[in-house]
Amino acid sequence: MPSHGADQFDEKDSKELIQMSSYFNFVLLAVCLGAAVSLTVFVWIQDKQMIGDWGFGVGALSSCCWL
């Protein structure tokens, strides 16, 4: 996914080069936040609330809503 987004920027244009850097920073932030949520919230739902199906369901729904 990051490489498809990077294709939208022209590396020869200095303004677009800065925008591409910002794009990669945002993509990395989104990936890290997604991993943090999946490792904390979804695991907490599955372990503490004793409803494993809900943890899987919330993850599946959130990925479907993202698309």
C-alpha atoms as a PDB file:
ATOM      1  CA  MET A   1       0.000   0.000   0.000  1.00  0.00           C
ATOM      2  CA  PRO A   2       2.692   2.595   0.791  1.00  0.00           C
ATOM      3  CA  SER A   3       4.343   2.149  -2.594  1.00  0.00           C
ATOM      4  CA  HIS A   4       1.045   2.693  -4.431  1.00  0.00           C
ATOM      5  CA  GLY A   5       0.559   5.980  -2.594  1.00  0.00           C
ATOM      6  CA  ALA A   6       4.131   7.062  -3.245  1.00  0.00           C
ATOM      7  CA  ASP A   7       3.586   6.676  -6.993  1.00  0.00           C
ATOM      8  CA  GLN A   8       1.231   9.659  -6.847  1.00  0.00           C
ATOM      9  CA  PHE A   9       4.074  12.067  -6.040  1.00  0.00           C
ATOM     10  CA  ASP A  10       6.732  13.484  -8.353  1.00  0.00           C
ATOM     11  CA  GLU A  11      10.163  13.191  -6.725  1.00  0.00           C
ATOM     12  CA  LYS A  12      11.585  15.964  -8.904  1.00  0.00           C
ATOM     13  CA  ASP A  13       9.180  18.568  -7.495  1.00  0.00           C
ATOM     14  CA  SER A  14      10.404  19.795  -4.094  1.00  0.00           C
ATOM     15  CA  LYS A  15       6.870  20.534  -2.852  1.00  0.00           C
ATOM     16  CA  GLU A  16       5.665  17.041  -3.726  1.00  0.00           C
ATOM     17  CA  LEU A  17       8.795  15.540  -2.184  1.00  0.00           C
ATOM     18  CA  ILE A  18       7.821  17.100   1.158  1.00  0.00           C
ATOM     19  CA  GLN A  19       4.253  15.853   0.703  1.00  0.00           C
ATOM     20  CA  MET A  20       5.545  12.342   0.013  1.00  0.00           C
ATOM     21  CA  SER A  21       7.542  12.452   3.233  1.00  0.00           C
ATOM     22  CA  SER A  22       4.405  13.489   5.108  1.00  0.00           C
ATOM     23  CA  TYR A  23       2.491  10.676   3.413  1.00  0.00           C
ATOM     24  CA  PHE A  24       4.987   8.066   4.608  1.00  0.00           C
ATOM     25  CA  ASN A  25       4.896   9.517   8.123  1.00  0.00           C
ATOM     26  CA  PHE A  26       1.093   9.255   8.155  1.00  0.00           C
ATOM     27  CA  VAL A  27       1.143   5.686   6.823  1.00  0.00           C
ATOM     28  CA  LEU A  28       3.640   4.629   9.487  1.00  0.00           C
ATOM     29  CA  LEU A  29       1.561   6.315  12.191  1.00  0.00           C
ATOM     30  CA  ALA A  30      -1.595   4.560  10.966  1.00  0.00           C
ATOM     31  CA  VAL A  31       0.117   1.164  10.942  1.00  0.00           C
ATOM     32  CA  CYS A  32       1.528   1.661  14.448  1.00  0.00           C
ATOM     33  CA  LEU A  33      -1.795   2.872  15.848  1.00  0.00           C
ATOM     34  CA  GLY A  34      -3.600  -0.040  14.241  1.00  0.00           C
ATOM     35  CA  ALA A  35      -1.153  -2.491  15.772  1.00  0.00           C
ATOM     36  CA  ALA A  36      -1.475  -0.845  19.192  1.00  0.00           C
ATOM     37  CA  VAL A  37      -5.265  -1.018  19.073  1.00  0.00           C
ATOM     38  CA  SER A  38      -5.272  -4.614  17.911  1.00  0.00           C
ATOM     39  CA  LEU A  39      -2.831  -5.662  20.615  1.00  0.00           C
ATOM     40  CA  THR A  40      -4.592  -3.846  23.441  1.00  0.00           C
ATOM     41  CA  VAL A  41      -8.289  -3.272  22.856  1.00  0.00           C
ATOM     42  CA  PHE A  42      -9.113  -6.444  20.957  1.00  0.00           C
ATOM     43  CA  VAL A  43      -7.111  -8.652  23.302  1.00  0.00           C
ATOM     44  CA  TRP A  44      -8.762  -6.988  26.299  1.00  0.00           C
ATOM     45  CA  ILE A  45     -12.189  -7.631  24.802  1.00  0.00           C
ATOM     46  CA  GLN A  46     -11.343 -11.281  24.243  1.00  0.00           C
ATOM     47  CA  ASP A  47      -9.644 -11.960  27.582  1.00  0.00           C
ATOM     48  CA  LYS A  48     -11.368  -9.796  30.178  1.00  0.00           C
ATOM     49  CA  GLN A  49     -14.886  -9.760  28.822  1.00  0.00           C
ATOM     50  CA  MET A  50     -14.858 -13.504  28.101  1.00  0.00           C
ATOM     51  CA  ILE A  51     -16.379 -12.984  24.675  1.00  0.00           C
ATOM     52  CA  GLY A  52     -13.792 -14.089  22.142  1.00  0.00           C
ATOM     53  CA  ASP A  53     -16.185 -13.822  19.232  1.00  0.00           C
ATOM     54  CA  TRP A  54     -16.712 -10.123  19.933  1.00  0.00           C
ATOM     55  CA  GLY A  55     -12.987  -9.380  19.722  1.00  0.00           C
ATOM     56  CA  PHE A  56     -12.808 -11.096  16.346  1.00  0.00           C
ATOM     57  CA  GLY A  57     -16.035  -9.444  15.185  1.00  0.00           C
ATOM     58  CA  VAL A  58     -14.916  -5.934  16.111  1.00  0.00           C
ATOM     59  CA  GLY A  59     -11.643  -6.434  14.238  1.00  0.00           C
ATOM     60  CA  ALA A  60     -13.431  -7.806  11.189  1.00  0.00           C
ATOM     61  CA  LEU A  61     -15.970  -4.973  11.150  1.00  0.00           C
ATOM     62  CA  SER A  62     -13.338  -2.285  11.592  1.00  0.00           C
ATOM     63  CA  SER A  63     -11.337  -3.636   8.662  1.00  0.00           C
ATOM     64  CA  CYS A  64     -14.471  -3.806   6.497  1.00  0.00           C
ATOM     65  CA  CYS A  65     -15.453  -0.257   7.395  1.00  0.00           C
ATOM     66  CA  TRP A  66     -11.965   0.984   6.512  1.00  0.00           C
ATOM     67  CA  LEU A  67     -12.308  -0.310   2.960  1.00  0.00           C
END
